């Protein structure tokens, strides 16, 4: 009997990977069986979404001084 051949698109299944949930820092299964991945639960996923929606996550940036001109300083005419 010949050994079974895998098709070109089939990949051997890897064991599920445990990762840390970004919200609660608990263990989370990172696999297709976890519909909330990389989060451990729907609650953690919703908490993260709420944080983004309320702008808790933002890139820190310094605001320009109030008297600064707008636009590219290389092209401004003074």
PDB file of N, CA and C in Angstrom:
ATOM      1  N   UNK A   1       0.835  -1.171   0.000  1.00  0.00           N
ATOM      2  CA  UNK A   1       0.000   0.000   0.000  1.00  0.00           C
ATOM      3  C   UNK A   1       0.886   1.242   0.000  1.00  0.00           C
ATOM      4  N   UNK A   2       0.597   2.191  -0.890  1.00  0.00           N
ATOM      5  CA  UNK A   2       1.408   3.400  -1.026  1.00  0.00           C
ATOM      6  C   UNK A   2       1.092   4.377   0.105  1.00  0.00           C
ATOM      7  N   UNK A   3       2.103   5.143   0.554  1.00  0.00           N
ATOM      8  CA  UNK A   3       1.844   6.131   1.605  1.00  0.00           C
ATOM      9  C   UNK A   3       0.933   7.244   1.087  1.00  0.00           C
ATOM     10  N   UNK A   4       0.124   7.794   1.961  1.00  0.00           N
ATOM     11  CA  UNK A   4      -0.801   8.870   1.580  1.00  0.00           C
ATOM     12  C   UNK A   4       0.001  10.110   1.208  1.00  0.00           C
ATOM     13  N   UNK A   5      -0.421  10.747   0.135  1.00  0.00           N
ATOM     14  CA  UNK A   5       0.261  11.974  -0.304  1.00  0.00           C
ATOM     15  C   UNK A   5      -0.592  13.168   0.078  1.00  0.00           C
ATOM     16  N   UNK A   6       0.068  14.234   0.427  1.00  0.00           N
ATOM     17  CA  UNK A   6      -0.634  15.476   0.756  1.00  0.00           C
ATOM     18  C   UNK A   6      -0.742  16.311  -0.502  1.00  0.00           C
ATOM     19  N   UNK A   7      -1.823  17.013  -0.666  1.00  0.00           N
ATOM     20  CA  UNK A   7      -1.960  17.889  -1.817  1.00  0.00           C
ATOM     21  C   UNK A   7      -1.042  19.086  -1.634  1.00  0.00           C
ATOM     22  N   UNK A   8      -0.828  19.828  -2.700  1.00  0.00           N
ATOM     23  CA  UNK A   8       0.078  20.977  -2.663  1.00  0.00           C
ATOM     24  C   UNK A   8      -0.421  22.067  -1.717  1.00  0.00           C
ATOM     25  N   UNK A   9      -1.735  22.158  -1.509  1.00  0.00           N
ATOM     26  CA  UNK A   9      -2.273  23.221  -0.657  1.00  0.00           C
ATOM     27  C   UNK A   9      -2.444  22.796   0.791  1.00  0.00           C
ATOM     28  N   UNK A  10      -2.470  21.511   1.056  1.00  0.00           N
ATOM     29  CA  UNK A  10      -2.678  21.038   2.428  1.00  0.00           C
ATOM     30  C   UNK A  10      -1.398  21.203   3.231  1.00  0.00           C
ATOM     31  N   UNK A  11      -1.551  21.596   4.470  1.00  0.00           N
ATOM     32  CA  UNK A  11      -0.417  21.751   5.363  1.00  0.00           C
ATOM     33  C   UNK A  11      -0.676  20.891   6.588  1.00  0.00           C
ATOM     34  N   UNK A  12       0.385  20.328   7.132  1.00  0.00           N
ATOM     35  CA  UNK A  12       0.167  19.551   8.346  1.00  0.00           C
ATOM     36  C   UNK A  12      -0.321  20.475   9.457  1.00  0.00           C
ATOM     37  N   UNK A  13      -1.249  19.976  10.260  1.00  0.00           N
ATOM     38  CA  UNK A  13      -1.789  20.837  11.308  1.00  0.00           C
ATOM     39  C   UNK A  13      -0.778  20.962  12.441  1.00  0.00           C
ATOM     40  N   UNK A  14      -0.518  22.180  12.819  1.00  0.00           N
ATOM     41  CA  UNK A  14       0.402  22.460  13.917  1.00  0.00           C
ATOM     42  C   UNK A  14      -0.394  22.456  15.214  1.00  0.00           C
ATOM     43  N   UNK A  15       0.242  22.121  16.289  1.00  0.00           N
ATOM     44  CA  UNK A  15      -0.482  22.158  17.556  1.00  0.00           C
ATOM     45  C   UNK A  15      -0.881  23.597  17.886  1.00  0.00           C
ATOM     46  N   UNK A  16      -2.032  23.794  18.534  1.00  0.00           N
ATOM     47  CA  UNK A  16      -2.449  25.151  18.889  1.00  0.00           C
ATOM     48  C   UNK A  16      -1.400  25.821  19.774  1.00  0.00           C
ATOM     49  N   UNK A  17      -1.267  27.102  19.589  1.00  0.00           N
ATOM     50  CA  UNK A  17      -0.258  27.867  20.309  1.00  0.00           C
ATOM     51  C   UNK A  17      -0.914  28.650  21.432  1.00  0.00           C
ATOM     52  N   UNK A  18      -0.298  28.674  22.576  1.00  0.00           N
ATOM     53  CA  UNK A  18      -0.765  29.488  23.691  1.00  0.00           C
ATOM     54  C   UNK A  18      -0.067  30.838  23.623  1.00  0.00           C
ATOM     55  N   UNK A  19      -0.836  31.914  23.678  1.00  0.00           N
ATOM     56  CA  UNK A  19      -0.291  33.274  23.708  1.00  0.00           C
ATOM     57  C   UNK A  19      -0.884  33.987  24.917  1.00  0.00           C
ATOM     58  N   UNK A  20      -0.386  35.171  25.182  1.00  0.00           N
ATOM     59  CA  UNK A  20      -0.908  35.970  26.290  1.00  0.00           C
ATOM     60  C   UNK A  20      -1.977  36.903  25.745  1.00  0.00           C
ATOM     61  N   UNK A  21      -3.135  36.908  26.382  1.00  0.00           N
ATOM     62  CA  UNK A  21      -4.236  37.789  25.987  1.00  0.00           C
ATOM     63  C   UNK A  21      -3.791  39.240  26.164  1.00  0.00           C
ATOM     64  N   UNK A  22      -3.943  40.087  25.143  1.00  0.00           N
ATOM     65  CA  UNK A  22      -3.512  41.477  25.251  1.00  0.00           C
ATOM     66  C   UNK A  22      -4.319  42.282  26.276  1.00  0.00           C
ATOM     67  N   UNK A  23      -5.514  41.841  26.612  1.00  0.00           N
ATOM     68  CA  UNK A  23      -6.358  42.605  27.533  1.00  0.00           C
ATOM     69  C   UNK A  23      -6.137  42.214  28.987  1.00  0.00           C
ATOM     70  N   UNK A  24      -6.251  40.922  29.294  1.00  0.00           N
ATOM     71  CA  UNK A  24      -6.173  40.493  30.701  1.00  0.00           C
ATOM     72  C   UNK A  24      -4.848  39.829  31.054  1.00  0.00           C
ATOM     73  N   UNK A  25      -4.015  39.581  30.057  1.00  0.00           N
ATOM     74  CA  UNK A  25      -2.697  38.949  30.220  1.00  0.00           C
ATOM     75  C   UNK A  25      -2.792  37.502  30.695  1.00  0.00           C
ATOM     76  N   UNK A  26      -3.946  36.876  30.505  1.00  0.00           N
ATOM     77  CA  UNK A  26      -4.114  35.459  30.811  1.00  0.00           C
ATOM     78  C   UNK A  26      -3.771  34.623  29.597  1.00  0.00           C
ATOM     79  N   UNK A  27      -3.798  33.301  29.721  1.00  0.00           N
ATOM     80  CA  UNK A  27      -3.497  32.444  28.568  1.00  0.00           C
ATOM     81  C   UNK A  27      -4.625  32.477  27.539  1.00  0.00           C
ATOM     82  N   UNK A  28      -4.250  32.438  26.290  1.00  0.00           N
ATOM     83  CA  UNK A  28      -5.221  32.453  25.196  1.00  0.00           C
ATOM     84  C   UNK A  28      -4.761  31.478  24.127  1.00  0.00           C
ATOM     85  N   UNK A  29      -5.691  30.717  23.591  1.00  0.00           N
ATOM     86  CA  UNK A  29      -5.383  29.757  22.538  1.00  0.00           C
ATOM     87  C   UNK A  29      -5.408  30.489  21.198  1.00  0.00           C
ATOM     88  N   UNK A  30      -4.282  30.496  20.498  1.00  0.00           N
ATOM     89  CA  UNK A  30      -4.204  31.163  19.200  1.00  0.00           C
ATOM     90  C   UNK A  30      -4.377  30.105  18.113  1.00  0.00           C
ATOM     91  N   UNK A  31      -5.633  29.845  17.779  1.00  0.00           N
ATOM     92  CA  UNK A  31      -5.941  28.863  16.743  1.00  0.00           C
ATOM     93  C   UNK A  31      -7.330  29.182  16.183  1.00  0.00           C
ATOM     94  N   UNK A  32      -7.679  28.579  15.047  1.00  0.00           N
ATOM     95  CA  UNK A  32      -9.006  28.824  14.481  1.00  0.00           C
ATOM     96  C   UNK A  32     -10.154  28.415  15.400  1.00  0.00           C
ATOM     97  N   UNK A  33      -9.886  27.562  16.379  1.00  0.00           N
ATOM     98  CA  UNK A  33     -10.937  27.171  17.313  1.00  0.00           C
ATOM     99  C   UNK A  33     -11.319  28.306  18.262  1.00  0.00           C
ATOM    100  N   UNK A  34     -10.470  29.307  18.406  1.00  0.00           N
ATOM    101  CA  UNK A  34     -10.747  30.447  19.278  1.00  0.00           C
ATOM    102  C   UNK A  34     -11.248  31.608  18.411  1.00  0.00           C
ATOM    103  N   UNK A  35     -12.544  31.883  18.395  1.00  0.00           N
ATOM    104  CA  UNK A  35     -13.070  32.944  17.521  1.00  0.00           C
ATOM    105  C   UNK A  35     -12.655  34.352  17.953  1.00  0.00           C
ATOM    106  N   UNK A  36     -12.100  34.505  19.143  1.00  0.00           N
ATOM    107  CA  UNK A  36     -11.716  35.836  19.632  1.00  0.00           C
ATOM    108  C   UNK A  36     -10.215  36.078  19.582  1.00  0.00           C
ATOM    109  N   UNK A  37      -9.467  35.168  18.971  1.00  0.00           N
ATOM    110  CA  UNK A  37      -8.011  35.303  18.999  1.00  0.00           C
ATOM    111  C   UNK A  37      -7.568  36.663  18.506  1.00  0.00           C
ATOM    112  N   UNK A  38      -6.575  37.290  19.042  1.00  0.00           N
ATOM    113  CA  UNK A  38      -5.645  36.789  20.055  1.00  0.00           C
ATOM    114  C   UNK A  38      -6.163  36.925  21.488  1.00  0.00           C
ATOM    115  N   UNK A  39      -7.420  37.348  21.659  1.00  0.00           N
ATOM    116  CA  UNK A  39      -7.984  37.505  22.996  1.00  0.00           C
ATOM    117  C   UNK A  39      -8.472  36.164  23.516  1.00  0.00           C
ATOM    118  N   UNK A  40      -8.620  36.061  24.833  1.00  0.00           N
ATOM    119  CA  UNK A  40      -9.056  34.789  25.418  1.00  0.00           C
ATOM    120  C   UNK A  40     -10.570  34.663  25.442  1.00  0.00           C
ATOM    121  N   UNK A  41     -11.294  35.783  25.342  1.00  0.00           N
ATOM    122  CA  UNK A  41     -12.750  35.722  25.427  1.00  0.00           C
ATOM    123  C   UNK A  41     -13.371  36.902  24.684  1.00  0.00           C
ATOM    124  N   UNK A  42     -14.673  36.809  24.495  1.00  0.00           N
ATOM    125  CA  UNK A  42     -15.395  37.920  23.857  1.00  0.00           C
ATOM    126  C   UNK A  42     -15.315  39.167  24.718  1.00  0.00           C
ATOM    127  N   UNK A  43     -15.345  38.999  26.031  1.00  0.00           N
ATOM    128  CA  UNK A  43     -15.273  40.134  26.953  1.00  0.00           C
ATOM    129  C   UNK A  43     -13.967  40.911  26.742  1.00  0.00           C
ATOM    130  N   UNK A  44     -12.846  40.210  26.663  1.00  0.00           N
ATOM    131  CA  UNK A  44     -11.561  40.885  26.458  1.00  0.00           C
ATOM    132  C   UNK A  44     -11.517  41.580  25.099  1.00  0.00           C
ATOM    133  N   UNK A  45     -12.084  40.940  24.086  1.00  0.00           N
ATOM    134  CA  UNK A  45     -12.117  41.554  22.749  1.00  0.00           C
ATOM    135  C   UNK A  45     -12.943  42.843  22.779  1.00  0.00           C
ATOM    136  N   UNK A  46     -14.095  42.816  23.452  1.00  0.00           N
ATOM    137  CA  UNK A  46     -14.954  43.994  23.538  1.00  0.00           C
ATOM    138  C   UNK A  46     -14.312  45.098  24.378  1.00  0.00           C
ATOM    139  N   UNK A  47     -13.595  44.727  25.429  1.00  0.00           N
ATOM    140  CA  UNK A  47     -12.892  45.737  26.231  1.00  0.00           C
ATOM    141  C   UNK A  47     -11.849  46.466  25.391  1.00  0.00           C
ATOM    142  N   UNK A  48     -11.126  45.719  24.563  1.00  0.00           N
ATOM    143  CA  UNK A  48     -10.106  46.320  23.702  1.00  0.00           C
ATOM    144  C   UNK A  48     -10.748  47.224  22.655  1.00  0.00           C
ATOM    145  N   UNK A  49     -11.843  46.767  22.060  1.00  0.00           N
ATOM    146  CA  UNK A  49     -12.560  47.581  21.077  1.00  0.00           C
ATOM    147  C   UNK A  49     -13.050  48.879  21.717  1.00  0.00           C
ATOM    148  N   UNK A  50     -13.575  48.783  22.937  1.00  0.00           N
ATOM    149  CA  UNK A  50     -14.040  49.970  23.648  1.00  0.00           C
ATOM    150  C   UNK A  50     -12.915  50.943  23.939  1.00  0.00           C
ATOM    151  N   UNK A  51     -11.735  50.419  24.255  1.00  0.00           N
ATOM    152  CA  UNK A  51     -10.588  51.292  24.517  1.00  0.00           C
ATOM    153  C   UNK A  51     -10.189  52.051  23.250  1.00  0.00           C
ATOM    154  N   UNK A  52     -10.212  51.368  22.103  1.00  0.00           N
ATOM    155  CA  UNK A  52      -9.912  52.053  20.843  1.00  0.00           C
ATOM    156  C   UNK A  52     -10.983  53.095  20.526  1.00  0.00           C
ATOM    157  N   UNK A  53     -12.254  52.737  20.728  1.00  0.00           N
ATOM    158  CA  UNK A  53     -13.357  53.645  20.402  1.00  0.00           C
ATOM    159  C   UNK A  53     -13.340  54.889  21.276  1.00  0.00           C
ATOM    160  N   UNK A  54     -12.919  54.747  22.520  1.00  0.00           N
ATOM    161  CA  UNK A  54     -12.872  55.913  23.414  1.00  0.00           C
ATOM    162  C   UNK A  54     -11.522  56.634  23.345  1.00  0.00           C
ATOM    163  N   UNK A  55     -10.684  56.220  22.398  1.00  0.00           N
ATOM    164  CA  UNK A  55      -9.378  56.829  22.147  1.00  0.00           C
ATOM    165  C   UNK A  55      -8.432  56.725  23.339  1.00  0.00           C
ATOM    166  N   UNK A  56      -8.537  55.617  24.088  1.00  0.00           N
ATOM    167  CA  UNK A  56      -7.563  55.367  25.149  1.00  0.00           C
ATOM    168  C   UNK A  56      -6.196  55.041  24.560  1.00  0.00           C
ATOM    169  N   UNK A  57      -6.187  54.441  23.369  1.00  0.00           N
ATOM    170  CA  UNK A  57      -4.932  54.147  22.677  1.00  0.00           C
ATOM    171  C   UNK A  57      -4.714  55.254  21.656  1.00  0.00           C
ATOM    172  N   UNK A  58      -3.629  55.970  21.789  1.00  0.00           N
ATOM    173  CA  UNK A  58      -3.303  56.984  20.782  1.00  0.00           C
ATOM    174  C   UNK A  58      -1.806  57.185  20.731  1.00  0.00           C
ATOM    175  N   UNK A  59      -1.338  57.696  19.624  1.00  0.00           N
ATOM    176  CA  UNK A  59       0.077  57.953  19.443  1.00  0.00           C
ATOM    177  C   UNK A  59       0.400  59.280  20.125  1.00  0.00           C
ATOM    178  N   UNK A  60       1.344  59.272  21.057  1.00  0.00           N
ATOM    179  CA  UNK A  60       1.683  60.533  21.716  1.00  0.00           C
ATOM    180  C   UNK A  60       2.364  61.481  20.724  1.00  0.00           C
ATOM    181  N   UNK A  61       1.918  62.691  20.704  1.00  0.00           N
ATOM    182  CA  UNK A  61       2.500  63.692  19.813  1.00  0.00           C
ATOM    183  C   UNK A  61       2.412  65.051  20.481  1.00  0.00           C
ATOM    184  N   UNK A  62       3.424  65.850  20.252  1.00  0.00           N
ATOM    185  CA  UNK A  62       3.403  67.203  20.792  1.00  0.00           C
ATOM    186  C   UNK A  62       2.603  68.093  19.845  1.00  0.00           C
ATOM    187  N   UNK A  63       1.744  68.877  20.397  1.00  0.00           N
ATOM    188  CA  UNK A  63       0.961  69.812  19.594  1.00  0.00           C
ATOM    189  C   UNK A  63       1.848  71.007  19.231  1.00  0.00           C
ATOM    190  N   UNK A  64       1.688  71.544  18.026  1.00  0.00           N
ATOM    191  CA  UNK A  64       2.483  72.716  17.658  1.00  0.00           C
ATOM    192  C   UNK A  64       2.045  73.926  18.484  1.00  0.00           C
ATOM    193  N   UNK A  65       2.923  74.884  18.668  1.00  0.00           N
ATOM    194  CA  UNK A  65       2.531  76.091  19.403  1.00  0.00           C
ATOM    195  C   UNK A  65       1.363  76.793  18.714  1.00  0.00           C
ATOM    196  N   UNK A  66       0.576  77.506  19.495  1.00  0.00           N
ATOM    197  CA  UNK A  66      -0.606  78.186  18.955  1.00  0.00           C
ATOM    198  C   UNK A  66      -0.261  79.192  17.860  1.00  0.00           C
ATOM    199  N   UNK A  67       0.900  79.828  17.945  1.00  0.00           N
ATOM    200  CA  UNK A  67       1.256  80.849  16.954  1.00  0.00           C
ATOM    201  C   UNK A  67       2.002  80.269  15.747  1.00  0.00           C
ATOM    202  N   UNK A  68       2.150  78.959  15.670  1.00  0.00           N
ATOM    203  CA  UNK A  68       2.849  78.337  14.546  1.00  0.00           C
ATOM    204  C   UNK A  68       1.986  78.389  13.296  1.00  0.00           C
ATOM    205  N   UNK A  69       2.642  78.571  12.158  1.00  0.00           N
ATOM    206  CA  UNK A  69       1.915  78.561  10.889  1.00  0.00           C
ATOM    207  C   UNK A  69       1.640  77.118  10.500  1.00  0.00           C
ATOM    208  N   UNK A  70       0.575  76.918   9.748  1.00  0.00           N
ATOM    209  CA  UNK A  70       0.207  75.580   9.319  1.00  0.00           C
ATOM    210  C   UNK A  70       0.851  75.275   7.981  1.00  0.00           C
ATOM    211  N   UNK A  71       1.013  73.987   7.689  1.00  0.00           N
ATOM    212  CA  UNK A  71       1.555  73.568   6.408  1.00  0.00           C
ATOM    213  C   UNK A  71       3.025  73.234   6.492  1.00  0.00           C
ATOM    214  N   UNK A  72       3.603  72.966   5.351  1.00  0.00           N
ATOM    215  CA  UNK A  72       5.007  72.599   5.258  1.00  0.00           C
ATOM    216  C   UNK A  72       5.864  73.855   5.372  1.00  0.00           C
ATOM    217  N   UNK A  73       6.747  73.936   6.370  1.00  0.00           N
ATOM    218  CA  UNK A  73       7.561  75.145   6.529  1.00  0.00           C
ATOM    219  C   UNK A  73       8.500  75.402   5.362  1.00  0.00           C
ATOM    220  N   UNK A  74       8.818  74.365   4.577  1.00  0.00           N
ATOM    221  CA  UNK A  74       9.703  74.567   3.426  1.00  0.00           C
ATOM    222  C   UNK A  74       8.996  75.299   2.283  1.00  0.00           C
ATOM    223  N   UNK A  75       7.661  75.229   2.263  1.00  0.00           N
ATOM    224  CA  UNK A  75       6.933  75.857   1.147  1.00  0.00           C
ATOM    225  C   UNK A  75       6.169  77.101   1.577  1.00  0.00           C
ATOM    226  N   UNK A  76       6.228  77.452   2.860  1.00  0.00           N
ATOM    227  CA  UNK A  76       5.486  78.643   3.302  1.00  0.00           C
ATOM    228  C   UNK A  76       6.217  79.912   2.866  1.00  0.00           C
ATOM    229  N   UNK A  77       5.433  80.886   2.479  1.00  0.00           N
ATOM    230  CA  UNK A  77       5.963  82.166   2.032  1.00  0.00           C
ATOM    231  C   UNK A  77       5.843  83.157   3.182  1.00  0.00           C
ATOM    232  N   UNK A  78       6.959  83.749   3.564  1.00  0.00           N
ATOM    233  CA  UNK A  78       6.923  84.725   4.655  1.00  0.00           C
ATOM    234  C   UNK A  78       7.383  86.068   4.196  1.00  0.00           C
TER     235      UNK A  78
END
